[in-house]
Protein backbone atom coordinates (compact mmCIF):
# COMPACT_ATOMS: atom_id res chain seq x y z
CA MET A 1 220.98 -46.93 -87.21
CA SER A 2 218.97 -44.95 -89.73
CA GLU A 3 220.60 -42.82 -92.42
CA ALA A 4 219.05 -39.72 -90.84
CA ARG A 5 220.72 -40.52 -87.49
CA LYS A 6 224.08 -41.01 -89.19
CA ILE A 7 223.74 -37.61 -90.85
CA TYR A 8 222.68 -36.10 -87.52
CA GLN A 9 225.88 -37.46 -85.95
CA GLN A 10 227.92 -35.83 -88.71
CA GLY A 11 226.13 -32.59 -87.91
CA PHE A 12 226.91 -32.96 -84.24
CA LYS A 13 230.61 -33.40 -85.01
CA HIS A 14 230.53 -30.18 -87.03
CA PHE A 15 228.66 -28.43 -84.20
CA VAL A 16 231.27 -29.47 -81.62
CA ALA A 17 234.03 -28.26 -83.95
CA GLY A 18 232.30 -24.88 -84.26
CA GLU A 19 231.49 -25.44 -87.94
CA LEU A 20 227.98 -24.11 -87.63
CA ASP A 21 227.06 -23.82 -91.31
CA ASP A 22 228.07 -27.43 -91.90
CA ALA A 23 226.23 -28.55 -88.77
CA ILE A 24 223.07 -26.72 -89.84
CA ALA A 25 223.27 -28.27 -93.31
CA ARG A 26 223.62 -31.80 -91.88
CA TYR A 27 220.78 -31.30 -89.38
CA ARG A 28 218.51 -30.05 -92.17
CA GLU A 29 219.51 -33.02 -94.33
CA ALA A 30 218.65 -35.41 -91.47
CA ILE A 31 215.29 -33.68 -90.97
CA GLU A 32 214.54 -33.95 -94.67
CA LEU A 33 215.06 -37.71 -94.45
CA GLU A 34 213.24 -38.11 -91.13
CA PRO A 35 211.06 -35.09 -90.27
CA SER A 36 210.12 -36.47 -86.86
CA LEU A 37 213.70 -36.96 -85.59
CA PRO A 38 213.75 -34.91 -82.36
CA ILE A 39 217.51 -34.84 -81.89
CA ALA A 40 217.96 -33.29 -85.32
CA TRP A 41 215.47 -30.52 -84.51
CA ASN A 42 217.25 -29.92 -81.20
CA GLY A 43 220.64 -29.78 -82.92
CA LEU A 44 219.29 -27.43 -85.56
CA SER A 45 217.85 -25.17 -82.88
CA MET A 46 221.11 -25.06 -80.93
CA ALA A 47 223.28 -24.44 -84.01
CA LEU A 48 221.01 -21.68 -85.31
CA SER A 49 220.99 -20.11 -81.85
CA ARG A 50 224.76 -20.17 -81.62
CA LYS A 51 224.94 -18.57 -85.07
CA GLY A 52 222.61 -15.78 -83.89
CA GLU A 53 219.63 -16.77 -86.03
CA LEU A 54 217.13 -16.68 -83.19
CA GLY A 55 213.95 -16.59 -85.27
CA GLU A 56 214.83 -19.81 -87.07
CA ALA A 57 216.16 -21.33 -83.84
CA ILE A 58 212.83 -20.66 -82.14
CA GLU A 59 210.92 -22.26 -85.01
CA ALA A 60 213.09 -25.38 -84.74
CA ALA A 61 212.61 -25.41 -80.94
CA LYS A 62 208.84 -25.13 -81.38
CA ARG A 63 208.91 -28.12 -83.72
CA LEU A 64 210.92 -30.04 -81.12
CA VAL A 65 208.28 -29.24 -78.48
CA GLU A 66 205.58 -30.49 -80.87
CA LEU A 67 207.49 -33.75 -81.28
CA GLU A 68 208.28 -34.12 -77.57
CA PRO A 69 205.55 -32.28 -75.67
CA ASP A 70 206.35 -34.12 -72.42
CA ASP A 71 210.09 -33.33 -72.45
CA ALA A 72 210.91 -30.60 -69.95
CA LEU A 73 214.28 -29.85 -71.57
CA SER A 74 212.61 -29.10 -74.91
CA HIS A 75 210.41 -26.50 -73.22
CA THR A 76 213.41 -25.09 -71.33
CA ASN A 77 215.35 -24.67 -74.57
CA LEU A 78 212.39 -22.90 -76.18
CA SER A 79 212.07 -20.63 -73.14
CA ARG A 80 215.75 -19.70 -73.28
CA LEU A 81 215.53 -18.78 -76.96
CA LEU A 82 212.35 -16.76 -76.51
CA GLN A 83 213.98 -14.90 -73.62
CA GLN A 84 217.00 -14.06 -75.78
CA GLN A 85 214.65 -12.57 -78.35
CA GLY A 86 212.90 -10.50 -75.67
CA ARG A 87 209.63 -12.44 -75.87
CA ILE A 88 209.33 -12.63 -72.09
CA PRO A 89 205.66 -13.65 -71.64
CA GLU A 90 206.12 -16.53 -74.11
CA ALA A 91 209.41 -17.48 -72.45
CA GLU A 92 207.76 -17.53 -69.03
CA ALA A 93 204.94 -19.74 -70.34
CA ALA A 94 207.43 -22.20 -71.83
CA MET A 95 209.41 -22.25 -68.57
CA ALA A 96 206.24 -22.79 -66.54
CA GLU A 97 205.44 -25.80 -68.72
CA ALA A 98 208.97 -27.14 -68.25
CA MET A 99 208.64 -26.79 -64.49
CA ARG A 100 205.21 -28.46 -64.52
CA LEU A 101 206.65 -31.40 -66.43
CA GLN A 102 209.62 -31.66 -64.07
CA MET A 103 207.33 -31.69 -61.04
CA GLN A 104 205.10 -34.27 -62.70
CA GLY A 105 208.10 -36.51 -63.30
CA SER A 106 209.39 -36.25 -59.72
């Protein structure tokens, strides 16, 4: 297991415990070591969202979509965050892409 994945797992433990600042710090550390680690971007997005930092959460979710363009859940997460920020047309586009990918995979 890579060092970045180990740090990600530490971040996840903090996230589960509700220690959002620590989780965010670990996710960012993992990303610094391995910028293309999708699970770290997803974790960062979720932790930032839970902390109420939607702008940064959306940026992390967009990076996740760039890394995993064929993952419907990545698009769904982005859609949810955009909707929370009131960016409805963008949220609908992200959800449409998620649905397209789900149908494609069926």
